[in-house]
Amino acid sequence: MMEAFDLTGRVAVVTGGGQGIGEGIAKNFAEAGAAVVVGARSVDRIERVAREIVASGGQAIAVPTDVTDRAALVALADAATKEFGDLHVWVNNAGGSPVQSPLADLSDDDWDTCLALNLTAVWKASMIAAERMTDGSVIINISSPAGDRGVPGSGHYAAAKAGVNSLTKTLSLELAPAIRVNGISPGFVPTEVMMTALSTDEEALEKMAQKRIPLRRLGTPNDMGSTAVYLASDAGSWMTGQTLIVAGGL
């Protein structure tokens, strides 16, 4: 049974892979046997993640990437095929928005910036990846529970993630049967991005978890990483067009 989760021989790209959920996914992929290409804007962070994967016996390279730049996405995909010979899994994880504002007060620039990073980049990257993928490949989009509800103060981000959920469904139909497309909607995982977005700290989130989350704890990057391994592996071979909510029951 465990062979179904084995990613040996597969090549995976993870955007936003220098910290938090992206780092967790990259490291879980490597532990499952995949060669991993870690992409993000922060060179120091992605190089650290790649070094740690290699030090643990895995294969990884770091490729500086701004996912809002089409040329950078092309370079990221080409780096995967040049270094490892193929491309089997692409994870659209880069995203976030530090801006908190009612929609009535939101500037055009803040709206456009948020949509470019959290939605348009997912579409562009998926198309670039799909051009290089063969039958049996996988695209995974990291969404958010915000995409399923109204979020005062973060309506721009919620709209972008709702778009990602819709894009996941449409891509799964248009790219089938060669490529499976699924999503992960993480609950409260105390990453740097989430701490900034919520203007809070991990201690406050832990207290919230004890009161509100049925499983009584916060999520971890490893929780998201193991879910991504399932979706990327043969264990998830009959799943496409789905966005899994991984949020401790919340």
Protein backbone atom coordinates (compact mmCIF):
# COMPACT_ATOMS: atom_id res chain seq x y z
CA MET A 1 0.00 0.00 0.00
CA MET A 2 2.76 2.44 0.87
CA GLU A 3 4.11 2.15 -2.66
CA ALA A 4 1.07 4.13 -3.81
CA PHE A 5 2.49 7.18 -2.01
CA ASP A 6 6.00 6.79 -3.46
CA LEU A 7 7.14 9.74 -5.62
CA THR A 8 10.48 8.24 -6.62
CA GLY A 9 11.40 9.27 -10.16
CA ARG A 10 9.05 12.24 -10.23
CA VAL A 11 10.02 15.88 -10.53
CA ALA A 12 8.06 18.47 -8.56
CA VAL A 13 8.07 22.27 -8.61
CA VAL A 14 6.86 24.14 -5.54
CA THR A 15 6.35 27.90 -5.74
CA GLY A 16 6.57 29.88 -2.53
CA GLY A 17 8.75 27.03 -1.30
CA GLY A 18 11.12 28.98 0.91
CA GLN A 19 9.05 28.91 4.09
CA GLY A 20 5.84 27.78 5.75
CA ILE A 21 3.47 25.57 3.81
CA GLY A 22 5.60 25.60 0.67
CA GLU A 23 8.63 24.42 2.60
CA GLY A 24 6.56 21.67 4.21
CA ILE A 25 5.32 20.48 0.82
CA ALA A 26 8.80 20.57 -0.72
CA LYS A 27 10.31 18.54 2.12
CA ASN A 28 7.49 16.00 2.17
CA PHE A 29 7.84 15.52 -1.58
CA ALA A 30 11.57 14.94 -1.15
CA GLU A 31 10.99 12.43 1.65
CA ALA A 32 8.56 10.59 -0.66
CA GLY A 33 11.32 10.35 -3.27
CA ALA A 34 10.67 13.26 -5.63
CA ALA A 35 13.31 15.58 -7.04
CA VAL A 36 12.19 19.04 -5.98
CA VAL A 37 12.59 22.46 -7.57
CA VAL A 38 12.02 25.16 -4.95
CA GLY A 39 10.92 28.53 -6.32
CA ALA A 40 10.33 31.86 -4.56
CA ARG A 41 11.59 35.44 -4.56
CA SER A 42 13.76 35.03 -1.46
CA VAL A 43 17.03 33.48 -2.61
CA ASP A 44 18.34 32.82 0.89
CA ARG A 45 15.21 30.96 1.93
CA ILE A 46 14.88 28.69 -1.08
CA GLU A 47 18.59 27.90 -1.05
CA ARG A 48 18.29 26.90 2.62
CA VAL A 49 15.35 24.59 1.89
CA ALA A 50 17.17 23.00 -1.04
CA ARG A 51 20.33 22.52 1.06
CA GLU A 52 18.37 20.87 3.85
CA ILE A 53 16.68 18.50 1.41
CA VAL A 54 20.02 17.52 -0.13
CA ALA A 55 21.60 17.12 3.31
CA SER A 56 18.80 14.68 4.16
CA GLY A 57 19.62 12.58 1.12
CA GLY A 58 17.12 14.08 -1.33
CA GLN A 59 17.43 15.93 -4.62
CA ALA A 60 16.62 19.63 -4.86
CA ILE A 61 17.58 22.88 -6.53
CA ALA A 62 16.57 26.45 -5.79
CA VAL A 63 15.38 28.77 -8.56
CA PRO A 64 14.65 32.44 -7.71
CA THR A 65 11.16 33.16 -9.05
CA ASP A 66 8.63 35.97 -9.09
CA VAL A 67 5.41 34.15 -10.01
CA THR A 68 3.83 37.36 -11.32
CA ASP A 69 6.47 37.40 -14.09
CA ARG A 70 5.67 35.03 -16.97
CA ALA A 71 9.31 34.85 -18.04
CA ALA A 72 10.30 33.81 -14.52
CA LEU A 73 7.68 31.05 -14.52
CA VAL A 74 8.98 29.78 -17.85
CA ALA A 75 12.51 29.80 -16.47
CA LEU A 76 11.36 27.88 -13.39
CA ALA A 77 9.67 25.18 -15.47
CA ASP A 78 12.65 24.95 -17.82
CA ALA A 79 15.03 24.64 -14.88
CA ALA A 80 13.11 21.57 -13.71
CA THR A 81 13.30 19.83 -17.06
CA LYS A 82 16.93 20.83 -17.63
CA GLU A 83 18.13 19.67 -14.21
CA PHE A 84 15.99 16.56 -13.76
CA GLY A 85 14.77 15.74 -17.25
CA ASP A 86 11.02 16.02 -16.74
CA LEU A 87 8.15 17.72 -14.90
CA HIS A 88 5.45 15.68 -13.17
CA VAL A 89 4.07 17.83 -10.34
CA TRP A 90 3.54 21.58 -10.05
CA VAL A 91 2.35 23.21 -6.82
CA ASN A 92 0.99 26.76 -6.99
CA ASN A 93 1.65 27.77 -3.41
CA ALA A 94 2.99 31.34 -3.66
CA GLY A 95 0.44 33.89 -2.52
CA GLY A 96 -0.88 36.05 0.28
CA SER A 97 -1.84 39.66 0.88
CA PRO A 98 -0.58 41.92 3.68
CA VAL A 99 -3.20 44.56 2.87
CA GLN A 100 -6.22 44.74 5.17
CA SER A 101 -8.97 47.05 3.94
CA PRO A 102 -12.72 47.19 3.37
CA LEU A 103 -13.43 46.85 -0.33
CA ALA A 104 -14.82 50.38 -0.43
CA ASP A 105 -11.42 51.74 0.63
CA LEU A 106 -9.23 49.36 -1.34
CA SER A 107 -7.10 50.96 -4.03
CA ASP A 108 -7.05 49.74 -7.62
CA ASP A 109 -3.36 48.93 -7.25
CA ASP A 110 -3.91 46.78 -4.15
CA TRP A 111 -6.72 44.88 -5.89
CA ASP A 112 -4.64 44.32 -9.02
CA THR A 113 -1.56 43.27 -7.04
CA CYS A 114 -3.53 40.74 -5.01
CA LEU A 115 -5.24 39.20 -8.04
CA ALA A 116 -1.97 39.07 -9.99
CA LEU A 117 -0.23 37.10 -7.24
CA ASN A 118 -3.04 34.89 -5.98
CA LEU A 119 -5.05 34.14 -9.12
CA THR A 120 -3.49 35.24 -12.41
CA ALA A 121 -0.15 33.65 -11.49
CA VAL A 122 -1.92 30.35 -10.82
CA TRP A 123 -3.44 30.37 -14.30
CA LYS A 124 -0.18 31.35 -16.01
CA ALA A 125 1.92 28.83 -14.10
CA SER A 126 -0.56 26.02 -14.71
CA MET A 127 -0.53 26.63 -18.44
CA ILE A 128 3.27 26.79 -18.55
CA ALA A 129 3.55 23.60 -16.50
CA ALA A 130 0.92 21.75 -18.54
CA GLU A 131 2.86 22.41 -21.76
CA ARG A 132 5.78 20.44 -20.33
CA MET A 133 3.89 17.65 -18.59
CA THR A 134 3.14 14.12 -19.77
CA ASP A 135 0.22 11.82 -18.96
CA GLY A 136 -0.21 11.16 -15.25
CA SER A 137 1.10 14.55 -14.13
CA VAL A 138 -0.45 16.66 -11.38
CA ILE A 139 -1.12 20.33 -10.60
CA ILE A 140 -1.95 21.31 -7.01
CA ASN A 141 -3.30 24.76 -6.15
CA ILE A 142 -3.07 26.06 -2.60
CA SER A 143 -6.29 27.88 -1.79
CA SER A 144 -7.82 29.17 1.46
CA PRO A 145 -11.07 28.84 3.41
CA ALA A 146 -11.43 32.55 2.60
CA GLY A 147 -12.42 31.47 -0.90
CA ASP A 148 -15.61 29.89 0.45
CA ARG A 149 -16.92 32.76 2.57
CA GLY A 150 -17.13 36.50 2.95
CA VAL A 151 -14.10 38.00 4.68
CA PRO A 152 -14.53 41.66 5.68
CA GLY A 153 -11.21 43.45 5.33
CA SER A 154 -9.81 40.82 2.97
CA GLY A 155 -12.42 40.70 0.25
CA HIS A 156 -9.79 41.03 -2.47
CA TYR A 157 -7.89 38.00 -1.18
CA ALA A 158 -11.08 35.99 -0.67
CA ALA A 159 -12.18 36.77 -4.23
CA ALA A 160 -8.82 35.64 -5.57
CA LYS A 161 -8.99 32.34 -3.69
CA ALA A 162 -12.58 31.78 -4.82
CA GLY A 163 -11.21 32.22 -8.31
CA VAL A 164 -8.52 29.64 -7.60
CA ASN A 165 -11.18 27.13 -6.52
CA SER A 166 -13.09 27.72 -9.74
CA LEU A 167 -9.91 27.57 -11.80
CA THR A 168 -9.04 24.23 -10.20
CA LYS A 169 -12.36 22.76 -11.33
CA THR A 170 -12.12 24.11 -14.89
CA LEU A 171 -8.49 23.08 -15.33
CA SER A 172 -9.32 19.59 -14.10
CA LEU A 173 -11.86 19.26 -16.91
CA GLU A 174 -9.79 20.89 -19.63
CA LEU A 175 -6.57 19.02 -18.84
CA ALA A 176 -8.16 15.60 -18.20
CA PRO A 177 -7.37 12.81 -18.60
CA ALA A 178 -3.65 13.55 -18.94
CA ILE A 179 -3.26 15.88 -15.95
CA ARG A 180 -5.04 15.82 -12.62
CA VAL A 181 -5.72 19.18 -10.94
CA ASN A 182 -6.65 19.48 -7.28
CA GLY A 183 -6.38 22.01 -4.47
CA ILE A 184 -5.66 22.22 -0.76
CA SER A 185 -7.45 24.73 1.45
CA PRO A 186 -5.38 25.00 4.66
CA GLY A 187 -6.88 26.08 7.95
CA PHE A 188 -4.93 27.96 10.60
CA VAL A 189 -1.23 27.21 10.07
CA PRO A 190 0.95 29.71 11.98
CA THR A 191 3.24 30.72 9.13
CA GLU A 192 4.87 34.10 8.75
CA VAL A 193 2.40 35.00 6.00
CA MET A 194 -0.61 34.14 8.18
CA MET A 195 0.77 35.97 11.20
CA THR A 196 1.17 39.10 9.09
CA ALA A 197 -2.25 38.78 7.48
CA LEU A 198 -4.05 38.30 10.80
CA SER A 199 -1.90 40.75 12.78
CA THR A 200 -1.57 38.19 15.56
CA ASP A 201 0.92 35.76 17.08
CA GLU A 202 1.14 32.01 17.53
CA GLU A 203 0.19 32.11 21.22
CA ALA A 204 -3.08 33.85 20.45
CA LEU A 205 -3.79 31.39 17.64
CA GLU A 206 -3.10 28.45 19.96
CA LYS A 207 -5.69 29.75 22.41
CA MET A 208 -8.17 30.13 19.57
CA ALA A 209 -7.46 26.57 18.43
CA GLN A 210 -8.29 25.16 21.84
CA LYS A 211 -11.68 26.88 21.76
CA ARG A 212 -12.74 26.70 18.12
CA ILE A 213 -10.96 23.92 16.23
CA PRO A 214 -12.50 20.47 16.83
CA LEU A 215 -9.10 18.72 16.76
CA ARG A 216 -7.82 21.26 19.30
CA ARG A 217 -4.60 22.27 17.60
CA LEU A 218 -3.23 24.45 14.84
CA GLY A 219 -2.15 22.97 11.54
CA THR A 220 1.47 22.51 10.49
CA PRO A 221 3.32 22.73 7.19
CA ASN A 222 3.78 18.96 7.50
CA ASP A 223 -0.01 18.48 7.56
CA MET A 224 -0.23 20.25 4.22
CA GLY A 225 2.83 18.45 2.91
CA SER A 226 1.42 15.00 3.57
CA THR A 227 -1.85 16.00 1.91
CA ALA A 228 0.09 17.20 -1.13
CA VAL A 229 1.95 13.89 -1.31
CA TYR A 230 -1.39 12.08 -1.42
CA LEU A 231 -2.68 14.28 -4.22
CA ALA A 232 0.58 14.01 -6.19
CA SER A 233 0.94 10.26 -5.84
CA ASP A 234 -0.79 7.22 -7.28
CA ALA A 235 -2.79 7.04 -4.06
CA GLY A 236 -4.81 10.00 -5.36
CA SER A 237 -4.96 8.80 -8.94
CA TRP A 238 -8.78 8.90 -9.15
CA MET A 239 -9.15 12.36 -7.67
CA THR A 240 -9.33 15.53 -9.75
CA GLY A 241 -11.19 18.83 -9.59
CA GLN A 242 -11.35 18.76 -5.80
CA THR A 243 -10.14 21.24 -3.19
CA LEU A 244 -9.51 19.46 0.10
CA ILE A 245 -10.19 21.45 3.26
CA VAL A 246 -7.45 20.56 5.75
CA ALA A 247 -8.39 22.56 8.81
CA GLY A 248 -8.80 20.33 11.84
CA GLY A 249 -12.57 20.18 11.39
CA LEU A 250 -13.15 23.93 11.42
